[in-house]
Amino acid sequence: MSDFDTLGLKPVLLAALKDAGLTTPTPIQDKAIPLAMAGNDVLGLAQTGTGKTMAFGIPLVSHLMDSPDRPAAKTAKSLILAPTRELVNQIAEALRTLTKKTHLKVNVVVGGQSINKQIHHLLKGTDILVATPGRLIDLMDRKAVDLRTVKHLVLDEADQMLDMGFIHALRRIAPKLGTPRQTMLFSATMPKQMEDLSKAYLTNPQRVQVAPPGKAADKVTQSVHHLASKGEKPGKLREILSRDMDALTLVFSRTKHGAEKLMKGLVADGYNAASIHGNKSQGQRDRAIKAFRDGDIKVLVATDVAARGIDIPGVAYVINYDLPDVPDNYVHRIGRTARAGREGEAIAFCAPDEADLLRQIEKLMKIEVPVASGTAPKDPVARPAQQSRGRGRGGQGQGGKPRQANAGAKPGGQRRRSRSRKAA
């Protein structure tokens, strides 16, 4: 298909897509939307940043528009579960762009916000309920929501929900939903647990895959700096950040304490930085993300859970200050850049005690991350040939030859400016 007009969508939905600047489906949308429109259960696999929200959102809204009756008190017609508050809010915002000229209502329930307000909003019923599993369980326990009328279930970032232990919540929620129903499951990776999950909750699903699980987006340039010790990380970070002070840069720390300490150090040194992690209130996290999206904050320091699902097209660089303990999380992290067809750069720091983590990441992705500086630890096991593109802040030059970070650099000569704009 060449554009959304070929999908047989109602004029009001096509107009909403056009108003949102969406005219051509992404590959995951191209494959998933027709299957979902036909009523099939869908198992969608694609890297982050490929348009998965609209891949399930467009057919969901289309189906609901065919059902003009209003939802009864405390009920929902459809349910979307996502692992984090940020992702829930982001999904809801995207869906509201589709439903603004329709009768459909979108409600959000997440932790960290007033449960009494959420109970009040659910009193009149809702067409689309977007929720984190934990808060939804709380509302179910209070008999504030009736899920028996749910005929469409979406599990977004399902692999992360498994990692965060939400499988137990899902086992409580699923039996309360209406049947028969359409279920759509979307994920960036496909661990064995995900296969088991799909078998348990999907019926004859149509599998849609636009890139192998564990593969980064094509336009992400990757590189790694091998450091002699963890103590070299702060200096290396400042060296890299100083090369492009106007670029939006997302920096990943392994722990909440580490993220906060790193952010405060950057601010003390004059960098325009903020942080998001589990110790921040929802309001603080929302304000930090908005400031980052708008370009008021240039450096956002985050933990994996807090940053999962962030969709900010203007992110030029992702820096893995600490390598993640789980290799799949590396794929999710670097998926925060090069979104929606743009180019981006992912830079990793590797201290000696992180060498094994790097090897696990390379094994998962079936590549060797190009070395930007330092010396890689000796590895007797032959690794696949490296795959990389382009050059940038900390990557490598043309022809696939590693380069030192400052080799031949001229002030401003290699800089890539980023333009931050609000996500659709």
Protein backbone atom coordinates (compact mmCIF):
# COMPACT_ATOMS: atom_id res chain seq x y z
CA MET A 1 0.00 0.00 0.00
CA SER A 2 1.19 3.55 -0.60
CA ASP A 3 -0.91 5.42 1.95
CA PHE A 4 -3.70 5.06 4.49
CA ASP A 5 -6.39 5.76 1.88
CA THR A 6 -6.15 2.16 0.67
CA LEU A 7 -7.27 0.75 4.03
CA GLY A 8 -10.94 1.63 3.67
CA LEU A 9 -10.92 3.84 6.77
CA LYS A 10 -13.73 6.26 7.52
CA PRO A 11 -13.17 9.86 6.35
CA VAL A 12 -13.03 11.19 9.91
CA LEU A 13 -10.20 8.77 10.75
CA LEU A 14 -8.30 9.57 7.55
CA ALA A 15 -8.65 13.28 8.36
CA ALA A 16 -7.28 12.68 11.87
CA LEU A 17 -4.27 10.85 10.44
CA LYS A 18 -3.65 13.66 8.00
CA ASP A 19 -3.90 16.26 10.77
CA ALA A 20 -1.30 14.26 12.72
CA GLY A 21 1.02 14.33 9.73
CA LEU A 22 0.64 10.61 9.04
CA THR A 23 0.20 9.84 5.36
CA THR A 24 2.20 6.67 4.68
CA PRO A 25 2.14 3.51 6.82
CA THR A 26 5.39 2.26 8.32
CA PRO A 27 6.33 -1.38 7.57
CA ILE A 28 4.76 -2.71 10.80
CA GLN A 29 1.60 -0.69 10.11
CA ASP A 30 1.54 -1.86 6.50
CA LYS A 31 1.51 -5.49 7.60
CA ALA A 32 -0.44 -5.40 10.86
CA ILE A 33 -3.33 -3.01 10.12
CA PRO A 34 -5.07 -5.08 7.41
CA LEU A 35 -4.85 -8.23 9.55
CA ALA A 36 -6.20 -6.44 12.62
CA MET A 37 -8.93 -4.73 10.59
CA ALA A 38 -10.07 -8.21 9.51
CA GLY A 39 -10.48 -9.17 13.17
CA ASN A 40 -7.46 -11.45 13.54
CA ASP A 41 -5.39 -11.79 16.68
CA VAL A 42 -2.00 -10.26 15.88
CA LEU A 43 1.49 -10.95 17.20
CA GLY A 44 3.63 -8.01 16.11
CA LEU A 45 7.42 -7.94 16.38
CA ALA A 46 9.32 -4.77 15.53
CA GLN A 47 11.99 -2.55 16.98
CA THR A 48 10.97 0.44 19.01
CA GLY A 49 10.34 3.58 17.00
CA THR A 50 8.67 1.80 14.08
CA GLY A 51 5.10 2.95 14.67
CA LYS A 52 3.63 0.10 16.69
CA THR A 53 1.15 2.34 18.51
CA MET A 54 -0.67 3.25 15.31
CA ALA A 55 -0.34 -0.34 14.09
CA PHE A 56 -2.82 -1.38 16.77
CA GLY A 57 -4.43 2.02 17.39
CA ILE A 58 -5.82 2.58 13.90
CA PRO A 59 -7.68 -0.76 13.61
CA LEU A 60 -8.82 -0.51 17.22
CA VAL A 61 -10.37 2.92 16.72
CA SER A 62 -11.87 1.79 13.43
CA HIS A 63 -13.58 -1.20 15.08
CA LEU A 64 -14.90 0.93 17.93
CA MET A 65 -16.31 3.52 15.53
CA ASP A 66 -18.51 0.76 14.15
CA SER A 67 -20.04 0.35 17.61
CA PRO A 68 -21.95 3.59 18.31
CA ASP A 69 -23.53 2.51 21.59
CA ARG A 70 -22.16 4.24 24.67
CA PRO A 71 -20.26 2.20 27.26
CA ALA A 72 -22.16 1.38 30.43
CA ALA A 73 -21.10 2.76 33.82
CA LYS A 74 -17.67 1.54 34.99
CA THR A 75 -17.17 -0.55 31.84
CA ALA A 76 -14.63 -0.44 29.02
CA LYS A 77 -14.94 -1.66 25.44
CA SER A 78 -11.21 -2.11 24.92
CA LEU A 79 -8.13 -2.41 27.10
CA ILE A 80 -4.51 -1.54 26.35
CA LEU A 81 -1.90 -2.65 28.88
CA ALA A 82 1.60 -1.15 28.91
CA PRO A 83 4.43 -1.50 31.45
CA THR A 84 5.13 2.12 32.41
CA ARG A 85 3.22 5.29 33.19
CA GLU A 86 5.10 7.21 30.50
CA LEU A 87 4.20 4.70 27.82
CA VAL A 88 0.55 4.61 28.89
CA ASN A 89 0.31 8.39 28.67
CA GLN A 90 2.07 8.38 25.32
CA ILE A 91 -0.30 5.76 23.88
CA ALA A 92 -3.32 7.67 25.14
CA GLU A 93 -2.06 10.91 23.60
CA ALA A 94 -1.57 9.19 20.23
CA LEU A 95 -5.05 7.63 20.34
CA ARG A 96 -6.66 10.95 21.23
CA THR A 97 -5.31 12.37 17.98
CA LEU A 98 -7.39 9.69 16.21
CA THR A 99 -10.55 10.05 18.31
CA LYS A 100 -10.81 13.82 18.77
CA LYS A 101 -13.68 14.15 16.25
CA THR A 102 -15.45 10.93 17.22
CA HIS A 103 -17.70 9.83 20.08
CA LEU A 104 -14.93 7.65 21.53
CA LYS A 105 -13.51 8.32 24.98
CA VAL A 106 -9.95 7.44 26.05
CA ASN A 107 -9.19 7.04 29.76
CA VAL A 108 -5.87 6.44 31.50
CA VAL A 109 -5.19 4.65 34.79
CA VAL A 110 -1.63 4.58 36.14
CA GLY A 111 0.07 4.53 39.50
CA GLY A 112 1.46 7.68 41.04
CA GLN A 113 -1.75 9.64 40.43
CA SER A 114 -4.97 10.07 42.40
CA ILE A 115 -6.91 6.82 42.31
CA ASN A 116 -10.05 8.65 43.39
CA LYS A 117 -9.93 10.85 40.28
CA GLN A 118 -9.46 7.77 38.15
CA ILE A 119 -12.45 6.10 39.80
CA HIS A 120 -14.52 9.21 39.08
CA HIS A 121 -13.49 9.23 35.40
CA LEU A 122 -14.42 5.56 35.03
CA LEU A 123 -17.91 6.05 36.44
CA LYS A 124 -19.35 6.96 33.05
CA GLY A 125 -17.56 4.12 31.28
CA THR A 126 -14.95 4.40 28.55
CA ASP A 127 -14.34 3.14 25.04
CA ILE A 128 -10.57 2.77 25.36
CA LEU A 129 -8.87 2.16 28.69
CA VAL A 130 -5.07 2.46 28.70
CA ALA A 131 -3.53 1.16 31.90
CA THR A 132 -0.54 -0.13 33.79
CA PRO A 133 -1.36 -3.59 35.19
CA GLY A 134 -0.73 -2.73 38.83
CA ARG A 135 -3.11 0.23 39.02
CA LEU A 136 -5.75 -1.66 37.03
CA ILE A 137 -5.64 -4.45 39.63
CA ASP A 138 -6.14 -1.83 42.36
CA LEU A 139 -9.24 -0.53 40.59
CA MET A 140 -10.58 -4.04 40.06
CA ASP A 141 -10.14 -4.76 43.76
CA ARG A 142 -12.20 -1.64 44.53
CA LYS A 143 -14.86 -2.74 42.02
CA ALA A 144 -14.33 0.56 40.22
CA VAL A 145 -14.09 -1.04 36.78
CA ASP A 146 -15.97 -3.86 35.04
CA LEU A 147 -13.96 -5.54 32.29
CA ARG A 148 -16.58 -8.03 31.10
CA THR A 149 -17.42 -5.84 28.10
CA VAL A 150 -13.80 -5.65 26.86
CA LYS A 151 -13.73 -7.14 23.35
CA HIS A 152 -10.31 -5.83 22.29
CA LEU A 153 -7.11 -6.40 24.29
CA VAL A 154 -3.71 -4.96 23.40
CA LEU A 155 -0.48 -5.87 25.19
CA ASP A 156 2.17 -3.29 24.25
CA GLU A 157 5.88 -3.74 25.03
CA ALA A 158 4.87 -7.17 26.29
CA ASP A 159 8.44 -8.36 26.76
CA GLN A 160 9.07 -5.54 29.21
CA MET A 161 5.89 -6.42 31.10
CA LEU A 162 7.30 -9.92 31.52
CA ASP A 163 10.64 -8.53 32.72
CA MET A 164 8.84 -6.39 35.29
CA GLY A 165 6.83 -9.28 36.68
CA PHE A 166 3.45 -8.20 35.34
CA ILE A 167 2.64 -11.72 34.17
CA HIS A 168 0.96 -12.36 37.54
CA ALA A 169 -1.22 -9.27 37.11
CA LEU A 170 -2.10 -10.36 33.57
CA ARG A 171 -3.23 -13.74 34.88
CA ARG A 172 -5.65 -11.92 37.19
CA ILE A 173 -6.88 -9.49 34.56
CA ALA A 174 -7.40 -11.78 31.55
CA PRO A 175 -10.14 -14.00 33.05
CA LYS A 176 -12.22 -10.89 33.78
CA LEU A 177 -12.32 -9.81 30.13
CA GLY A 178 -15.15 -10.42 27.70
CA THR A 179 -15.17 -13.25 25.18
CA PRO A 180 -14.84 -13.67 22.31
CA ARG A 181 -12.31 -10.89 21.91
CA GLN A 182 -9.53 -9.75 19.65
CA THR A 183 -6.06 -9.73 21.20
CA MET A 184 -3.01 -7.96 19.81
CA LEU A 185 0.43 -8.40 21.33
CA PHE A 186 3.33 -6.16 20.32
CA SER A 187 6.94 -6.53 21.36
CA ALA A 188 10.46 -5.59 20.28
CA THR A 189 11.92 -8.97 21.28
CA MET A 190 10.67 -12.55 21.37
CA PRO A 191 12.05 -14.48 24.35
CA LYS A 192 10.68 -17.95 25.06
CA GLN A 193 8.35 -16.55 27.72
CA MET A 194 6.80 -14.37 25.02
CA GLU A 195 6.01 -17.42 22.92
CA ASP A 196 4.31 -19.00 25.93
CA LEU A 197 2.37 -15.78 26.53
CA SER A 198 1.15 -15.63 22.95
CA LYS A 199 -0.01 -19.24 23.09
CA ALA A 200 -1.92 -18.57 26.30
CA TYR A 201 -3.73 -15.38 25.27
CA LEU A 202 -3.90 -15.29 21.45
CA THR A 203 -6.09 -17.45 19.20
CA ASN A 204 -4.59 -18.44 15.85
CA PRO A 205 -2.54 -15.21 15.76
CA GLN A 206 -1.20 -13.71 12.57
CA ARG A 207 2.52 -13.10 13.13
CA VAL A 208 3.93 -9.85 11.78
CA GLN A 209 7.66 -9.23 11.90
CA VAL A 210 9.50 -6.40 10.21
CA ALA A 211 12.96 -7.01 11.68
CA PRO A 212 14.57 -9.92 13.53
CA PRO A 213 14.20 -9.72 17.32
CA GLY A 214 17.36 -8.27 18.85
CA LYS A 215 18.17 -6.20 15.76
CA ALA A 216 18.62 -2.46 16.02
CA ALA A 217 16.99 0.01 13.66
CA ASP A 218 18.96 0.29 10.42
CA LYS A 219 19.77 3.96 10.82
CA VAL A 220 21.38 3.67 14.26
CA THR A 221 25.16 4.06 14.15
CA GLN A 222 26.67 2.12 17.07
CA SER A 223 30.05 2.45 18.78
CA VAL A 224 31.74 1.53 22.05
CA HIS A 225 34.43 3.23 24.10
CA HIS A 226 36.52 0.75 26.09
CA LEU A 227 37.62 2.42 29.32
CA ALA A 228 40.36 1.38 31.72
CA SER A 229 38.07 1.92 34.72
CA LYS A 230 34.62 3.16 35.72
CA GLY A 231 36.30 6.32 36.94
CA GLU A 232 36.89 7.36 33.33
CA LYS A 233 33.19 7.43 32.50
CA PRO A 234 32.35 10.96 33.78
CA GLY A 235 35.14 12.55 31.78
CA LYS A 236 34.34 10.61 28.63
CA LEU A 237 30.67 11.56 28.91
CA ARG A 238 31.47 15.26 29.19
CA GLU A 239 33.90 14.99 26.29
CA ILE A 240 31.20 13.53 24.06
CA LEU A 241 28.42 15.85 25.22
CA SER A 242 30.56 18.93 24.62
CA ARG A 243 30.87 18.14 20.91
CA ASP A 244 27.21 18.87 20.23
CA MET A 245 25.66 20.89 23.03
CA ASP A 246 22.43 21.47 21.07
CA ALA A 247 21.67 17.79 20.41
CA LEU A 248 19.05 15.93 22.42
CA THR A 249 20.95 13.17 24.22
CA LEU A 250 19.49 10.34 26.29
CA VAL A 251 21.94 8.87 28.82
CA PHE A 252 21.22 5.50 30.46
CA SER A 253 22.27 4.62 33.98
CA ARG A 254 21.76 1.17 35.49
CA THR A 255 20.40 2.40 38.84
CA LYS A 256 18.11 5.13 40.18
CA HIS A 257 20.80 6.42 42.52
CA GLY A 258 23.35 6.44 39.73
CA ALA A 259 21.03 8.34 37.41
CA GLU A 260 20.35 11.05 39.98
CA LYS A 261 24.01 11.41 40.92
CA LEU A 262 25.04 11.62 37.28
CA MET A 263 22.41 14.24 36.50
CA LYS A 264 23.38 16.43 39.46
CA GLY A 265 27.03 16.25 38.42
CA LEU A 266 26.20 17.35 34.89
CA VAL A 267 24.06 20.24 36.12
CA ALA A 268 26.87 21.33 38.45
CA ASP A 269 29.20 21.41 35.44
CA GLY A 270 26.84 23.61 33.47
CA TYR A 271 25.03 21.04 31.33
CA ASN A 272 21.30 21.45 30.74
CA ALA A 273 20.23 18.09 32.22
CA ALA A 274 17.33 16.38 34.00
CA SER A 275 16.65 12.82 35.17
CA ILE A 276 13.80 10.32 35.23
CA HIS A 277 13.73 7.21 37.40
CA GLY A 278 11.55 5.35 39.86
CA ASN A 279 12.27 7.70 42.77
CA LYS A 280 10.82 10.67 40.88
CA SER A 281 7.13 11.51 41.16
CA GLN A 282 4.96 11.16 38.10
CA GLY A 283 4.71 14.93 37.81
CA GLN A 284 8.49 15.32 37.91
CA ARG A 285 8.95 12.65 35.24
CA ASP A 286 6.27 14.15 33.00
CA ARG A 287 7.80 17.63 33.28
CA ALA A 288 11.30 16.33 32.54
CA ILE A 289 10.14 14.41 29.46
CA LYS A 290 8.17 17.40 28.15
CA ALA A 291 11.15 19.72 28.65
CA PHE A 292 13.36 17.21 26.83
CA ARG A 293 10.86 16.80 23.98
CA ASP A 294 10.55 20.58 23.62
CA GLY A 295 14.32 21.02 23.64
CA ASP A 296 14.40 23.00 26.89
CA ILE A 297 16.48 20.18 28.38
CA LYS A 298 19.26 18.78 26.19
CA VAL A 299 20.42 15.82 28.30
CA LEU A 300 18.02 13.38 29.93
CA VAL A 301 19.51 10.78 32.30
CA ALA A 302 17.26 7.75 32.71
CA THR A 303 16.92 4.21 33.95
CA ASP A 304 15.56 1.46 31.71
CA VAL A 305 12.09 1.27 33.25
CA ALA A 306 11.52 5.02 33.33
CA ALA A 307 12.58 5.51 29.70
CA ARG A 308 10.77 2.52 28.21
CA GLY A 309 8.47 3.59 25.39
CA ILE A 310 9.60 7.23 25.24
CA ASP A 311 8.86 8.44 21.72
CA ILE A 312 10.80 11.62 21.01
CA PRO A 313 11.80 11.77 17.34
CA GLY A 314 14.41 14.46 17.95
CA VAL A 315 16.74 12.29 20.08
CA ALA A 316 20.07 12.38 18.22
CA TYR A 317 22.20 10.34 20.62
CA VAL A 318 21.75 7.54 23.12
CA ILE A 319 24.66 7.00 25.49
CA ASN A 320 24.89 3.77 27.46
CA TYR A 321 26.80 5.16 30.44
CA ASP A 322 26.29 1.76 32.09
CA LEU A 323 25.71 -1.33 29.98
CA PRO A 324 22.44 -3.07 30.88
CA ASP A 325 22.38 -6.38 32.74
CA VAL A 326 19.83 -7.73 30.25
CA PRO A 327 21.04 -7.68 26.60
CA ASP A 328 17.52 -7.07 25.26
CA ASN A 329 17.45 -3.78 27.15
CA TYR A 330 20.33 -2.54 25.00
CA VAL A 331 18.12 -2.93 21.93
CA HIS A 332 15.31 -1.03 23.66
CA ARG A 333 17.69 1.72 24.76
CA ILE A 334 19.22 2.44 21.39
CA GLY A 335 15.73 2.32 19.87
CA ARG A 336 15.13 5.71 21.50
CA THR A 337 17.11 7.27 18.63
CA ALA A 338 16.72 6.89 14.84
CA ARG A 339 12.96 6.86 15.24
CA ALA A 340 10.48 7.11 12.38
CA GLY A 341 13.15 6.82 9.69
CA ARG A 342 15.61 9.34 11.13
CA GLU A 343 19.30 8.72 11.73
CA GLY A 344 20.76 8.47 15.21
CA GLU A 345 23.82 7.38 17.12
CA ALA A 346 24.19 4.95 20.02
CA ILE A 347 27.38 5.16 22.08
CA ALA A 348 28.35 2.68 24.79
CA PHE A 349 30.89 2.87 27.59
CA CYS A 350 32.47 -0.42 28.58
CA ALA A 351 34.52 -0.70 31.78
CA PRO A 352 36.53 -3.90 32.34
CA ASP A 353 33.83 -5.48 34.53
CA GLU A 354 31.25 -4.89 31.77
CA ALA A 355 33.13 -6.77 29.03
CA ASP A 356 30.97 -9.86 29.42
CA LEU A 357 27.80 -7.74 29.19
CA LEU A 358 29.07 -6.33 25.89
CA ARG A 359 29.77 -9.84 24.58
CA GLN A 360 26.20 -10.87 25.46
CA ILE A 361 24.80 -7.84 23.63
CA GLU A 362 26.89 -8.59 20.54
CA LYS A 363 25.81 -12.23 20.62
CA LEU A 364 22.14 -11.20 20.76
CA MET A 365 22.48 -8.67 17.94
CA LYS A 366 24.84 -10.84 15.87
CA ILE A 367 27.23 -7.96 15.31
CA GLU A 368 30.47 -6.62 16.71
CA VAL A 369 29.95 -3.10 17.99
CA PRO A 370 32.63 -0.89 16.36
CA VAL A 371 35.30 0.40 18.74
CA ALA A 372 35.53 4.19 18.91
CA SER A 373 38.33 4.36 21.46
CA GLY A 374 40.25 2.15 23.86
CA THR A 375 41.16 -1.50 23.50
CA ALA A 376 38.65 -4.30 23.57
CA PRO A 377 39.39 -7.14 26.00
CA LYS A 378 40.92 -10.23 24.46
CA ASP A 379 38.26 -12.65 23.32
CA PRO A 380 39.34 -16.08 22.02
CA VAL A 381 35.92 -16.62 20.42
CA ALA A 382 35.67 -15.29 16.87
CA ARG A 383 32.82 -12.82 16.53
CA PRO A 384 30.78 -11.99 13.41
CA ALA A 385 31.84 -9.18 11.15
CA GLN A 386 30.75 -5.75 12.36
CA GLN A 387 27.83 -3.89 10.90
CA SER A 388 27.73 -0.13 11.11
CA ARG A 389 26.70 2.95 9.25
CA GLY A 390 28.02 6.44 8.84
CA ARG A 391 29.88 8.51 11.39
CA GLY A 392 28.98 10.87 14.19
CA ARG A 393 29.69 11.75 17.76
CA GLY A 394 31.51 8.62 18.82
CA GLY A 395 31.20 6.09 15.99
CA GLN A 396 33.52 5.27 13.14
CA GLY A 397 34.43 6.69 9.78
CA GLN A 398 33.62 5.65 6.27
CA GLY A 399 34.76 2.21 5.20
CA GLY A 400 34.17 0.64 8.61
CA LYS A 401 37.53 1.66 10.12
CA PRO A 402 37.37 2.52 13.83
CA ARG A 403 38.45 6.05 14.60
CA GLN A 404 39.49 7.76 17.77
CA ALA A 405 36.82 10.07 19.10
CA ASN A 406 38.88 13.25 18.55
CA ALA A 407 40.89 12.17 15.53
CA GLY A 408 41.04 15.08 13.10
CA ALA A 409 37.96 16.68 14.60
CA LYS A 410 37.32 20.33 13.89
CA PRO A 411 35.09 22.42 16.06
CA GLY A 412 31.59 22.01 14.69
CA GLY A 413 32.86 20.07 11.68
CA GLN A 414 31.14 16.78 12.43
CA ARG A 415 28.20 18.10 14.36
CA ARG A 416 24.71 16.90 13.69
CA ARG A 417 22.05 19.29 14.84
CA SER A 418 18.85 17.82 16.17
CA ARG A 419 15.46 19.42 15.93
CA SER A 420 13.16 18.47 18.73
CA ARG A 421 9.49 18.35 17.89
CA LYS A 422 6.51 16.83 19.54
CA ALA A 423 5.77 13.24 18.69
CA ALA A 424 2.62 12.52 16.75
